[in-house]
Every structure is written in structure tokens, then in C-alpha cells.
PDB file of N, CA and C in Angstrom:
ATOM      1  N   MET A   1      -5.404  15.837  38.099  1.00  0.00           N
ATOM      2  CA  MET A   1      -5.396  14.524  37.388  1.00  0.00           C
ATOM      3  C   MET A   1      -4.326  14.575  36.402  1.00  0.00           C
ATOM      4  N   SER A   2      -3.147  13.986  36.974  1.00  0.00           N
ATOM      5  CA  SER A   2      -1.950  13.948  36.084  1.00  0.00           C
ATOM      6  C   SER A   2      -1.782  12.563  35.428  1.00  0.00           C
ATOM      7  N   GLU A   3      -1.659  12.461  34.216  1.00  0.00           N
ATOM      8  CA  GLU A   3      -1.479  11.207  33.603  1.00  0.00           C
ATOM      9  C   GLU A   3      -0.024  11.400  32.901  1.00  0.00           C
ATOM     10  N   ALA A   4       0.552  10.156  32.893  1.00  0.00           N
ATOM     11  CA  ALA A   4       1.689  10.022  32.295  1.00  0.00           C
ATOM     12  C   ALA A   4       1.476  10.003  30.643  1.00  0.00           C
ATOM     13  N   VAL A   5       1.913  10.804  29.882  1.00  0.00           N
ATOM     14  CA  VAL A   5       1.787  10.891  28.430  1.00  0.00           C
ATOM     15  C   VAL A   5       2.841   9.910  27.804  1.00  0.00           C
ATOM     16  N   ASP A   6       2.275   9.074  27.150  1.00  0.00           N
ATOM     17  CA  ASP A   6       3.189   7.974  26.464  1.00  0.00           C
ATOM     18  C   ASP A   6       3.661   8.602  25.183  1.00  0.00           C
ATOM     19  N   LYS A   7       4.900   8.896  25.177  1.00  0.00           N
ATOM     20  CA  LYS A   7       5.478   9.519  23.996  1.00  0.00           C
ATOM     21  C   LYS A   7       5.994   8.236  22.951  1.00  0.00           C
ATOM     22  N   LYS A   8       5.321   8.208  21.978  1.00  0.00           N
ATOM     23  CA  LYS A   8       5.908   7.210  20.936  1.00  0.00           C
ATOM     24  C   LYS A   8       7.163   7.675  20.254  1.00  0.00           C
ATOM     25  N   VAL A   9       8.076   6.822  20.113  1.00  0.00           N
ATOM     26  CA  VAL A   9       9.228   7.148  19.349  1.00  0.00           C
ATOM     27  C   VAL A   9       8.848   6.884  17.889  1.00  0.00           C
ATOM     28  N   PRO A  10       9.335   7.935  16.936  1.00  0.00           N
ATOM     29  CA  PRO A  10       8.982   7.736  15.613  1.00  0.00           C
ATOM     30  C   PRO A  10       9.618   6.485  15.115  1.00  0.00           C
ATOM     31  N   ALA A  11       9.050   5.917  14.020  1.00  0.00           N
ATOM     32  CA  ALA A  11       9.560   4.732  13.502  1.00  0.00           C
ATOM     33  C   ALA A  11      10.834   5.001  12.784  1.00  0.00           C
ATOM     34  N   LEU A  12      11.632   3.982  12.459  1.00  0.00           N
ATOM     35  CA  LEU A  12      13.011   4.138  11.911  1.00  0.00           C
ATOM     36  C   LEU A  12      12.684   4.671  10.370  1.00  0.00           C
ATOM     37  N   PHE A  13      11.698   4.392   9.928  1.00  0.00           N
ATOM     38  CA  PHE A  13      11.287   4.742   8.478  1.00  0.00           C
ATOM     39  C   PHE A  13      11.296   6.265   8.305  1.00  0.00           C
ATOM     40  N   HIS A  14      11.102   6.906   9.535  1.00  0.00           N
ATOM     41  CA  HIS A  14      10.838   8.509   9.317  1.00  0.00           C
ATOM     42  C   HIS A  14      12.243   9.194   9.230  1.00  0.00           C
ATOM     43  N   ASN A  15      12.794   9.136   8.028  1.00  0.00           N
ATOM     44  CA  ASN A  15      13.945   9.966   7.617  1.00  0.00           C
ATOM     45  C   ASN A  15      14.004  10.040   6.061  1.00  0.00           C
ATOM     46  N   TYR A  16      14.824  11.052   5.820  1.00  0.00           N
ATOM     47  CA  TYR A  16      14.698  11.498   4.259  1.00  0.00           C
ATOM     48  C   TYR A  16      15.244  10.321   3.336  1.00  0.00           C
ATOM     49  N   LEU A  17      16.150   9.675   3.627  1.00  0.00           N
ATOM     50  CA  LEU A  17      16.620   8.593   2.925  1.00  0.00           C
ATOM     51  C   LEU A  17      15.565   7.455   2.573  1.00  0.00           C
ATOM     52  N   SER A  18      14.986   7.121   3.616  1.00  0.00           N
ATOM     53  CA  SER A  18      13.910   6.092   3.466  1.00  0.00           C
ATOM     54  C   SER A  18      12.815   6.625   2.825  1.00  0.00           C
ATOM     55  N   PHE A  19      12.415   7.911   3.067  1.00  0.00           N
ATOM     56  CA  PHE A  19      11.303   8.562   2.216  1.00  0.00           C
ATOM     57  C   PHE A  19      11.612   8.474   0.792  1.00  0.00           C
ATOM     58  N   ALA A  20      12.961   8.827   0.539  1.00  0.00           N
ATOM     59  CA  ALA A  20      13.264   8.865  -1.030  1.00  0.00           C
ATOM     60  C   ALA A  20      13.215   7.450  -1.568  1.00  0.00           C
ATOM     61  N   GLY A  21      13.608   6.356  -0.849  1.00  0.00           N
ATOM     62  CA  GLY A  21      13.629   5.054  -1.349  1.00  0.00           C
ATOM     63  C   GLY A  21      12.270   4.751  -1.518  1.00  0.00           C
ATOM     64  N   PHE A  22      11.171   5.101  -0.499  1.00  0.00           N
ATOM     65  CA  PHE A  22       9.770   4.620  -0.536  1.00  0.00           C
ATOM     66  C   PHE A  22       9.192   5.362  -1.881  1.00  0.00           C
ATOM     67  N   THR A  23       9.545   6.536  -2.163  1.00  0.00           N
ATOM     68  CA  THR A  23       8.997   7.255  -3.388  1.00  0.00           C
ATOM     69  C   THR A  23       9.531   6.597  -4.673  1.00  0.00           C
ATOM     70  N   ILE A  24      10.709   6.260  -4.748  1.00  0.00           N
ATOM     71  CA  ILE A  24      11.258   5.450  -5.858  1.00  0.00           C
ATOM     72  C   ILE A  24      10.775   4.109  -6.030  1.00  0.00           C
ATOM     73  N   ALA A  25      10.443   3.482  -4.946  1.00  0.00           N
ATOM     74  CA  ALA A  25       9.865   2.041  -5.164  1.00  0.00           C
ATOM     75  C   ALA A  25       8.478   2.031  -5.500  1.00  0.00           C
ATOM     76  N   ILE A  26       7.700   2.967  -4.891  1.00  0.00           N
ATOM     77  CA  ILE A  26       6.243   3.183  -5.325  1.00  0.00           C
ATOM     78  C   ILE A  26       6.145   3.695  -6.798  1.00  0.00           C
ATOM     79  N   ALA A  27       7.001   4.645  -7.208  1.00  0.00           N
ATOM     80  CA  ALA A  27       6.887   4.942  -8.527  1.00  0.00           C
ATOM     81  C   ALA A  27       7.251   3.894  -9.475  1.00  0.00           C
ATOM     82  N   SER A  28       8.333   3.100  -9.355  1.00  0.00           N
ATOM     83  CA  SER A  28       8.610   1.994  -9.978  1.00  0.00           C
ATOM     84  C   SER A  28       7.426   0.943 -10.108  1.00  0.00           C
ATOM     85  N   LEU A  29       6.919   0.641  -9.045  1.00  0.00           N
ATOM     86  CA  LEU A  29       5.911  -0.321  -8.776  1.00  0.00           C
ATOM     87  C   LEU A  29       4.737   0.097  -9.899  1.00  0.00           C
ATOM     88  N   CYS A  30       4.311   1.244  -9.633  1.00  0.00           N
ATOM     89  CA  CYS A  30       3.267   1.787 -10.367  1.00  0.00           C
ATOM     90  C   CYS A  30       3.549   1.703 -11.826  1.00  0.00           C
ATOM     91  N   SER A  31       4.738   2.162 -12.220  1.00  0.00           N
ATOM     92  CA  SER A  31       5.175   2.061 -13.613  1.00  0.00           C
ATOM     93  C   SER A  31       5.069   0.673 -14.321  1.00  0.00           C
ATOM     94  N   ILE A  32       5.539  -0.442 -13.327  1.00  0.00           N
ATOM     95  CA  ILE A  32       5.621  -1.710 -13.773  1.00  0.00           C
ATOM     96  C   ILE A  32       4.218  -2.243 -14.132  1.00  0.00           C
ATOM     97  N   ILE A  33       3.272  -1.924 -13.247  1.00  0.00           N
ATOM     98  CA  ILE A  33       1.828  -2.179 -13.210  1.00  0.00           C
ATOM     99  C   ILE A  33       1.103  -1.595 -14.530  1.00  0.00           C
ATOM    100  N   LEU A  34       1.646  -0.388 -14.756  1.00  0.00           N
ATOM    101  CA  LEU A  34       1.034   0.285 -15.937  1.00  0.00           C
ATOM    102  C   LEU A  34       1.491  -0.288 -17.237  1.00  0.00           C
ATOM    103  N   LEU A  35       2.881  -0.508 -17.108  1.00  0.00           N
ATOM    104  CA  LEU A  35       3.494  -1.007 -18.504  1.00  0.00           C
ATOM    105  C   LEU A  35       2.995  -2.545 -18.646  1.00  0.00           C
ATOM    106  N   PHE A  36       2.846  -3.230 -17.662  1.00  0.00           N
ATOM    107  CA  PHE A  36       2.345  -4.586 -17.815  1.00  0.00           C
ATOM    108  C   PHE A  36       0.742  -4.439 -18.373  1.00  0.00           C
ATOM    109  N   LEU A  37       0.130  -3.666 -17.879  1.00  0.00           N
ATOM    110  CA  LEU A  37      -1.275  -3.601 -18.376  1.00  0.00           C
ATOM    111  C   LEU A  37      -1.279  -3.058 -19.982  1.00  0.00           C
ATOM    112  N   ILE A  38      -0.356  -2.089 -20.139  1.00  0.00           N
ATOM    113  CA  ILE A  38      -0.392  -1.748 -21.607  1.00  0.00           C
ATOM    114  C   ILE A  38       0.086  -2.945 -22.519  1.00  0.00           C
ATOM    115  N   GLU A  39       1.079  -3.598 -21.974  1.00  0.00           N
ATOM    116  CA  GLU A  39       1.477  -4.727 -22.816  1.00  0.00           C
ATOM    117  C   GLU A  39       0.368  -5.829 -22.951  1.00  0.00           C
ATOM    118  N   LEU A  40      -0.299  -6.051 -21.800  1.00  0.00           N
ATOM    119  CA  LEU A  40      -1.429  -6.986 -21.815  1.00  0.00           C
ATOM    120  C   LEU A  40      -2.520  -6.810 -22.788  1.00  0.00           C
ATOM    121  N   THR A  41      -2.908  -5.332 -22.955  1.00  0.00           N
ATOM    122  CA  THR A  41      -3.895  -5.148 -23.802  1.00  0.00           C
ATOM    123  C   THR A  41      -3.355  -5.172 -25.275  1.00  0.00           C
ATOM    124  N   GLY A  42      -2.146  -5.037 -25.527  1.00  0.00           N
ATOM    125  CA  GLY A  42      -1.575  -5.301 -26.924  1.00  0.00           C
ATOM    126  C   GLY A  42      -1.776  -4.177 -27.755  1.00  0.00           C
ATOM    127  N   SER A  43      -1.839  -2.873 -27.092  1.00  0.00           N
ATOM    128  CA  SER A  43      -2.052  -1.800 -28.045  1.00  0.00           C
ATOM    129  C   SER A  43      -0.789  -1.324 -28.559  1.00  0.00           C
ATOM    130  N   THR A  44       0.320  -1.813 -28.089  1.00  0.00           N
ATOM    131  CA  THR A  44       1.684  -1.426 -28.585  1.00  0.00           C
ATOM    132  C   THR A  44       2.375  -2.677 -28.882  1.00  0.00           C
ATOM    133  N   ASN A  45       3.294  -2.739 -29.810  1.00  0.00           N
ATOM    134  CA  ASN A  45       4.092  -3.957 -30.268  1.00  0.00           C
ATOM    135  C   ASN A  45       5.554  -3.392 -30.367  1.00  0.00           C
ATOM    136  N   THR A  46       6.193  -3.138 -29.137  1.00  0.00           N
ATOM    137  CA  THR A  46       7.582  -2.867 -29.251  1.00  0.00           C
ATOM    138  C   THR A  46       8.362  -3.544 -28.181  1.00  0.00           C
ATOM    139  N   ALA A  47       9.703  -3.789 -28.580  1.00  0.00           N
ATOM    140  CA  ALA A  47      10.364  -4.736 -27.514  1.00  0.00           C
ATOM    141  C   ALA A  47      11.004  -3.931 -26.416  1.00  0.00           C
ATOM    142  N   TYR A  48      11.019  -2.570 -26.565  1.00  0.00           N
ATOM    143  CA  TYR A  48      11.529  -1.730 -25.486  1.00  0.00           C
ATOM    144  C   TYR A  48      10.592  -1.666 -24.387  1.00  0.00           C
ATOM    145  N   LEU A  49       9.209  -2.013 -24.473  1.00  0.00           N
ATOM    146  CA  LEU A  49       8.183  -1.892 -23.492  1.00  0.00           C
ATOM    147  C   LEU A  49       8.632  -2.996 -22.647  1.00  0.00           C
ATOM    148  N   GLY A  50       8.876  -4.138 -22.859  1.00  0.00           N
ATOM    149  CA  GLY A  50       9.328  -5.233 -22.128  1.00  0.00           C
ATOM    150  C   GLY A  50      10.640  -5.059 -21.422  1.00  0.00           C
ATOM    151  N   ILE A  51      11.526  -4.384 -21.986  1.00  0.00           N
ATOM    152  CA  ILE A  51      12.876  -4.018 -21.417  1.00  0.00           C
ATOM    153  C   ILE A  51      12.573  -3.154 -20.215  1.00  0.00           C
ATOM    154  N   PHE A  52      11.688  -2.048 -20.425  1.00  0.00           N
ATOM    155  CA  PHE A  52      11.506  -1.296 -19.227  1.00  0.00           C
ATOM    156  C   PHE A  52      10.715  -1.897 -18.075  1.00  0.00           C
ATOM    157  N   ALA A  53       9.708  -2.652 -18.620  1.00  0.00           N
ATOM    158  CA  ALA A  53       8.780  -3.350 -17.705  1.00  0.00           C
ATOM    159  C   ALA A  53       9.365  -4.387 -16.934  1.00  0.00           C
ATOM    160  N   TYR A  54      10.360  -5.191 -17.477  1.00  0.00           N
ATOM    161  CA  TYR A  54      10.854  -6.276 -16.848  1.00  0.00           C
ATOM    162  C   TYR A  54      12.328  -6.255 -16.415  1.00  0.00           C
ATOM    163  N   VAL A  55      13.165  -5.175 -16.745  1.00  0.00           N
ATOM    164  CA  VAL A  55      14.523  -5.215 -16.494  1.00  0.00           C
ATOM    165  C   VAL A  55      14.801  -3.785 -15.765  1.00  0.00           C
ATOM    166  N   ILE A  56      14.463  -2.866 -16.319  1.00  0.00           N
ATOM    167  CA  ILE A  56      14.935  -1.461 -15.785  1.00  0.00           C
ATOM    168  C   ILE A  56      14.057  -1.040 -14.581  1.00  0.00           C
ATOM    169  N   LEU A  57      12.717  -0.979 -14.574  1.00  0.00           N
ATOM    170  CA  LEU A  57      11.984  -0.659 -13.628  1.00  0.00           C
ATOM    171  C   LEU A  57      11.994  -1.644 -12.252  1.00  0.00           C
ATOM    172  N   PRO A  58      12.167  -2.967 -12.577  1.00  0.00           N
ATOM    173  CA  PRO A  58      12.345  -3.743 -11.360  1.00  0.00           C
ATOM    174  C   PRO A  58      13.655  -3.322 -10.643  1.00  0.00           C
ATOM    175  N   ALA A  59      14.583  -3.080 -11.442  1.00  0.00           N
ATOM    176  CA  ALA A  59      16.019  -2.560 -10.829  1.00  0.00           C
ATOM    177  C   ALA A  59      15.842  -1.276  -9.978  1.00  0.00           C
ATOM    178  N   GLY A  60      15.012  -0.453 -10.426  1.00  0.00           N
ATOM    179  CA  GLY A  60      14.406   0.755  -9.750  1.00  0.00           C
ATOM    180  C   GLY A  60      13.743   0.483  -8.497  1.00  0.00           C
ATOM    181  N   LEU A  61      13.018  -0.467  -8.559  1.00  0.00           N
ATOM    182  CA  LEU A  61      12.294  -0.976  -7.380  1.00  0.00           C
ATOM    183  C   LEU A  61      13.242  -1.520  -6.271  1.00  0.00           C
ATOM    184  N   VAL A  62      14.135  -2.396  -6.775  1.00  0.00           N
ATOM    185  CA  VAL A  62      15.094  -2.936  -5.789  1.00  0.00           C
ATOM    186  C   VAL A  62      15.830  -1.935  -5.332  1.00  0.00           C
ATOM    187  N   PHE A  63      16.405  -0.835  -6.009  1.00  0.00           N
ATOM    188  CA  PHE A  63      17.224   0.217  -5.522  1.00  0.00           C
ATOM    189  C   PHE A  63      16.293   1.036  -4.352  1.00  0.00           C
ATOM    190  N   GLY A  64      15.097   1.331  -4.755  1.00  0.00           N
ATOM    191  CA  GLY A  64      14.325   1.863  -3.747  1.00  0.00           C
ATOM    192  C   GLY A  64      14.048   1.247  -2.367  1.00  0.00           C
ATOM    193  N   LEU A  65      14.003  -0.234  -2.464  1.00  0.00           N
ATOM    194  CA  LEU A  65      13.997  -0.967  -1.183  1.00  0.00           C
ATOM    195  C   LEU A  65      15.328  -1.001  -0.623  1.00  0.00           C
ATOM    196  N   ILE A  66      16.346  -0.909  -1.245  1.00  0.00           N
ATOM    197  CA  ILE A  66      17.766  -0.891  -0.587  1.00  0.00           C
ATOM    198  C   ILE A  66      17.919   0.434  -0.045  1.00  0.00           C
ATOM    199  N   LEU A  67      17.408   1.442  -0.538  1.00  0.00           N
ATOM    200  CA  LEU A  67      17.372   2.808   0.038  1.00  0.00           C
ATOM    201  C   LEU A  67      16.654   2.909   1.305  1.00  0.00           C
ATOM    202  N   ILE A  68      15.532   2.309   1.394  1.00  0.00           N
ATOM    203  CA  ILE A  68      14.682   2.284   2.630  1.00  0.00           C
ATOM    204  C   ILE A  68      15.415   1.544   3.686  1.00  0.00           C
ATOM    205  N   GLY A  69      16.011   0.363   3.339  1.00  0.00           N
ATOM    206  CA  GLY A  69      16.818  -0.371   4.341  1.00  0.00           C
ATOM    207  C   GLY A  69      17.937   0.367   4.971  1.00  0.00           C
ATOM    208  N   ALA A  70      18.810   1.053   3.976  1.00  0.00           N
ATOM    209  CA  ALA A  70      19.987   1.866   4.358  1.00  0.00           C
ATOM    210  C   ALA A  70      19.404   3.094   5.241  1.00  0.00           C
ATOM    211  N   GLY A  71      18.329   3.610   4.905  1.00  0.00           N
ATOM    212  CA  GLY A  71      17.854   4.817   5.824  1.00  0.00           C
ATOM    213  C   GLY A  71      17.606   4.502   7.035  1.00  0.00           C
ATOM    214  N   MET A  72      16.857   3.214   7.159  1.00  0.00           N
ATOM    215  CA  MET A  72      16.501   2.607   8.603  1.00  0.00           C
ATOM    216  C   MET A  72      17.740   2.333   9.464  1.00  0.00           C
ATOM    217  N   LEU A  73      18.713   1.709   8.780  1.00  0.00           N
ATOM    218  CA  LEU A  73      19.900   1.551   9.330  1.00  0.00           C
ATOM    219  C   LEU A  73      20.763   2.634   9.926  1.00  0.00           C
ATOM    220  N   LEU A  74      20.810   3.617   9.073  1.00  0.00           N
ATOM    221  CA  LEU A  74      21.577   5.080   9.476  1.00  0.00           C
ATOM    222  C   LEU A  74      20.718   5.662  10.560  1.00  0.00           C
ATOM    223  N   GLU A  75      19.388   5.611  10.509  1.00  0.00           N
ATOM    224  CA  GLU A  75      18.629   6.164  11.495  1.00  0.00           C
ATOM    225  C   GLU A  75      18.877   5.484  12.801  1.00  0.00           C
ATOM    226  N   ARG A  76      18.832   4.228  12.763  1.00  0.00           N
ATOM    227  CA  ARG A  76      19.087   3.329  14.135  1.00  0.00           C
ATOM    228  C   ARG A  76      20.435   3.626  14.663  1.00  0.00           C
ATOM    229  N   ARG A  77      21.593   3.724  13.816  1.00  0.00           N
ATOM    230  CA  ARG A  77      22.776   4.105  14.219  1.00  0.00           C
ATOM    231  C   ARG A  77      22.905   5.420  14.774  1.00  0.00           C
ATOM    232  N   ARG A  78      22.142   6.390  14.296  1.00  0.00           N
ATOM    233  CA  ARG A  78      22.045   7.793  14.698  1.00  0.00           C
ATOM    234  C   ARG A  78      21.529   7.969  16.054  1.00  0.00           C
ATOM    235  N   ARG A  79      20.352   7.067  16.200  1.00  0.00           N
ATOM    236  CA  ARG A  79      19.717   7.180  17.505  1.00  0.00           C
ATOM    237  C   ARG A  79      20.588   6.425  18.614  1.00  0.00           C
ATOM    238  N   ARG A  80      21.276   5.414  18.381  1.00  0.00           N
ATOM    239  CA  ARG A  80      22.145   4.780  19.245  1.00  0.00           C
ATOM    240  C   ARG A  80      23.327   5.710  19.698  1.00  0.00           C
ATOM    241  N   ARG A  81      23.644   6.420  18.657  1.00  0.00           N
ATOM    242  CA  ARG A  81      24.864   7.367  19.066  1.00  0.00           C
ATOM    243  C   ARG A  81      24.359   8.454  19.965  1.00  0.00           C
ATOM    244  N   LEU A  82      23.250   9.047  19.747  1.00  0.00           N
ATOM    245  CA  LEU A  82      22.646  10.087  20.486  1.00  0.00           C
ATOM    246  C   LEU A  82      22.274   9.600  22.002  1.00  0.00           C
ATOM    247  N   SER A  83      21.675   8.515  22.131  1.00  0.00           N
ATOM    248  CA  SER A  83      21.372   7.952  23.494  1.00  0.00           C
ATOM    249  C   SER A  83      21.415   6.508  23.425  1.00  0.00           C
ATOM    250  N   PRO A  84      22.474   6.019  23.831  1.00  0.00           N
ATOM    251  CA  PRO A  84      22.794   4.561  23.772  1.00  0.00           C
ATOM    252  C   PRO A  84      22.132   3.788  24.785  1.00  0.00           C
ATOM    253  N   ALA A  85      21.643   4.309  25.853  1.00  0.00           N
ATOM    254  CA  ALA A  85      21.025   3.674  27.018  1.00  0.00           C
ATOM    255  C   ALA A  85      19.587   3.436  26.601  1.00  0.00           C
ATOM    256  N   ARG A  86      18.854   4.297  25.640  1.00  0.00           N
ATOM    257  CA  ARG A  86      17.479   4.166  25.336  1.00  0.00           C
ATOM    258  C   ARG A  86      17.158   3.130  24.297  1.00  0.00           C
ATOM    259  N   SER A  87      18.116   2.795  23.426  1.00  0.00           N
ATOM    260  CA  SER A  87      18.012   1.824  22.360  1.00  0.00           C
ATOM    261  C   SER A  87      18.914   0.659  22.578  1.00  0.00           C
ATOM    262  N   PRO A  88      18.123  -0.469  22.228  1.00  0.00           N
ATOM    263  CA  PRO A  88      18.907  -1.676  22.610  1.00  0.00           C
ATOM    264  C   PRO A  88      19.923  -1.962  21.516  1.00  0.00           C
ATOM    265  N   ARG A  89      20.954  -2.684  21.823  1.00  0.00           N
ATOM    266  CA  ARG A  89      22.032  -3.025  20.824  1.00  0.00           C
ATOM    267  C   ARG A  89      21.439  -3.960  19.735  1.00  0.00           C
ATOM    268  N   PHE A  90      20.587  -4.786  19.942  1.00  0.00           N
ATOM    269  CA  PHE A  90      19.822  -5.709  18.949  1.00  0.00           C
ATOM    270  C   PHE A  90      18.404  -5.436  19.107  1.00  0.00           C
ATOM    271  N   PRO A  91      17.878  -5.509  17.841  1.00  0.00           N
ATOM    272  CA  PRO A  91      16.412  -5.432  18.023  1.00  0.00           C
ATOM    273  C   PRO A  91      15.802  -6.440  18.833  1.00  0.00           C
ATOM    274  N   GLU A  92      14.575  -6.255  19.445  1.00  0.00           N
ATOM    275  CA  GLU A  92      13.841  -7.277  20.091  1.00  0.00           C
ATOM    276  C   GLU A  92      13.281  -8.323  19.003  1.00  0.00           C
ATOM    277  N   SER A  93      13.719  -9.598  19.157  1.00  0.00           N
ATOM    278  CA  SER A  93      13.217 -10.619  18.324  1.00  0.00           C
ATOM    279  C   SER A  93      12.538 -11.768  19.282  1.00  0.00           C
ATOM    280  N   ILE A  94      12.114 -12.788  18.482  1.00  0.00           N
ATOM    281  CA  ILE A  94      11.433 -13.784  19.264  1.00  0.00           C
ATOM    282  C   ILE A  94      12.270 -14.704  20.163  1.00  0.00           C
ATOM    283  N   SER A  95      13.491 -14.608  19.771  1.00  0.00           N
ATOM    284  CA  SER A  95      14.507 -15.526  20.655  1.00  0.00           C
ATOM    285  C   SER A  95      15.119 -14.746  21.717  1.00  0.00           C
ATOM    286  N   THR A  96      14.834 -13.419  21.942  1.00  0.00           N
ATOM    287  CA  THR A  96      15.613 -12.709  22.867  1.00  0.00           C
ATOM    288  C   THR A  96      14.670 -12.525  24.306  1.00  0.00           C
ATOM    289  N   THR A  97      13.545 -12.614  24.108  1.00  0.00           N
ATOM    290  CA  THR A  97      12.608 -12.349  25.308  1.00  0.00           C
ATOM    291  C   THR A  97      11.354 -13.211  25.128  1.00  0.00           C
ATOM    292  N   PRO A  98      10.876 -13.908  26.191  1.00  0.00           N
ATOM    293  CA  PRO A  98       9.669 -14.611  26.120  1.00  0.00           C
ATOM    294  C   PRO A  98       8.491 -13.827  25.777  1.00  0.00           C
ATOM    295  N   ALA A  99       8.389 -12.506  26.213  1.00  0.00           N
ATOM    296  CA  ALA A  99       7.358 -11.568  26.031  1.00  0.00           C
ATOM    297  C   ALA A  99       7.178 -11.430  24.488  1.00  0.00           C
ATOM    298  N   ALA A 100       8.468 -11.075  23.934  1.00  0.00           N
ATOM    299  CA  ALA A 100       8.355 -11.083  22.477  1.00  0.00           C
ATOM    300  C   ALA A 100       7.578 -12.270  21.697  1.00  0.00           C
ATOM    301  N   ALA A 101       8.144 -13.404  22.006  1.00  0.00           N
ATOM    302  CA  ALA A 101       7.741 -14.672  21.513  1.00  0.00           C
ATOM    303  C   ALA A 101       6.294 -14.754  21.621  1.00  0.00           C
ATOM    304  N   ALA A 102       5.688 -14.372  22.803  1.00  0.00           N
ATOM    305  CA  ALA A 102       4.258 -14.428  23.078  1.00  0.00           C
ATOM    306  C   ALA A 102       3.561 -13.479  22.347  1.00  0.00           C
ATOM    307  N   ARG A 103       4.109 -12.223  22.031  1.00  0.00           N
ATOM    308  CA  ARG A 103       3.440 -11.303  21.182  1.00  0.00           C
ATOM    309  C   ARG A 103       3.415 -11.738  19.892  1.00  0.00           C
ATOM    310  N   PHE A 104       4.454 -12.330  19.345  1.00  0.00           N
ATOM    311  CA  PHE A 104       4.559 -12.907  17.932  1.00  0.00           C
ATOM    312  C   PHE A 104       3.529 -13.922  17.761  1.00  0.00           C
ATOM    313  N   LEU A 105       3.306 -14.863  18.691  1.00  0.00           N
ATOM    314  CA  LEU A 105       2.360 -15.819  18.632  1.00  0.00           C
ATOM    315  C   LEU A 105       0.808 -15.404  18.726  1.00  0.00           C
ATOM    316  N   GLY A 106       0.695 -14.168  19.171  1.00  0.00           N
ATOM    317  CA  GLY A 106      -0.668 -13.698  19.515  1.00  0.00           C
ATOM    318  C   GLY A 106      -1.171 -14.146  20.656  1.00  0.00           C
ATOM    319  N   LEU A 107      -0.420 -14.598  21.765  1.00  0.00           N
ATOM    320  CA  LEU A 107      -0.853 -15.144  22.957  1.00  0.00           C
ATOM    321  C   LEU A 107      -1.145 -14.047  24.033  1.00  0.00           C
ATOM    322  N   SER A 108      -0.366 -13.048  24.077  1.00  0.00           N
ATOM    323  CA  SER A 108      -0.773 -11.913  24.979  1.00  0.00           C
ATOM    324  C   SER A 108      -0.299 -10.660  24.365  1.00  0.00           C
ATOM    325  N   GLY A 109      -0.838  -9.478  24.891  1.00  0.00           N
ATOM    326  CA  GLY A 109      -0.648  -8.324  24.460  1.00  0.00           C
ATOM    327  C   GLY A 109       0.377  -7.618  25.057  1.00  0.00           C
TER     328      GLY A 109
END
């Protein structure tokens, strides 16, 4: 009984740069939520809390999201360089194939 094993290609997210960006983004988001809750309870009255919660930490969140995108882009370029035949030049989108449009609309699997 020989069955073809379907090997899934790892997602573009699986690289160190994207993982570092994910870690930074999650840490920033958790810190923003924590500082917002601290400010909401009114236990402290300092202006620096707002600066961190609404300026510095959101910048860290955006930086982490940019790192995730950059890591995915670099991983895609690396995969195309290693085996250009296996990866398409452009990602499959709704406009490139009718099957992709049907999957997007949920009409067929």
C-alpha cells in the first residue's frame, strides 16, 4: 500500500527575521494593552505613560510588522533562487486563476 505523501511547504513566516518581528510585535501589543489598562484604572498620573502607550510602543509594533513582511519577502526570494521552477513568479491571487477566485468566494475547495 504505497500512498504519496503530501509534503507541505513551510510557510514564508518560518524564518528568523519574521519570528523576531512577531516577537517584537506581540511584546509591543501586550505592553500597549497593559499600559492602557493601567491608565484606564487611574492608578498613576504621569504624562510619560501616555507617551509610551500611544507613541513609542505603537512604533515598536509597526517595526515588528515591517520585520515580519521583510522576512517573508526575503524567504520568498531565497526560495525562488533555490528552485525557480517550484515557486511562481507572482503569488496566486483571485485575478490570476479561476480556481483561486472560486476558493476565495468559498464556492469550491
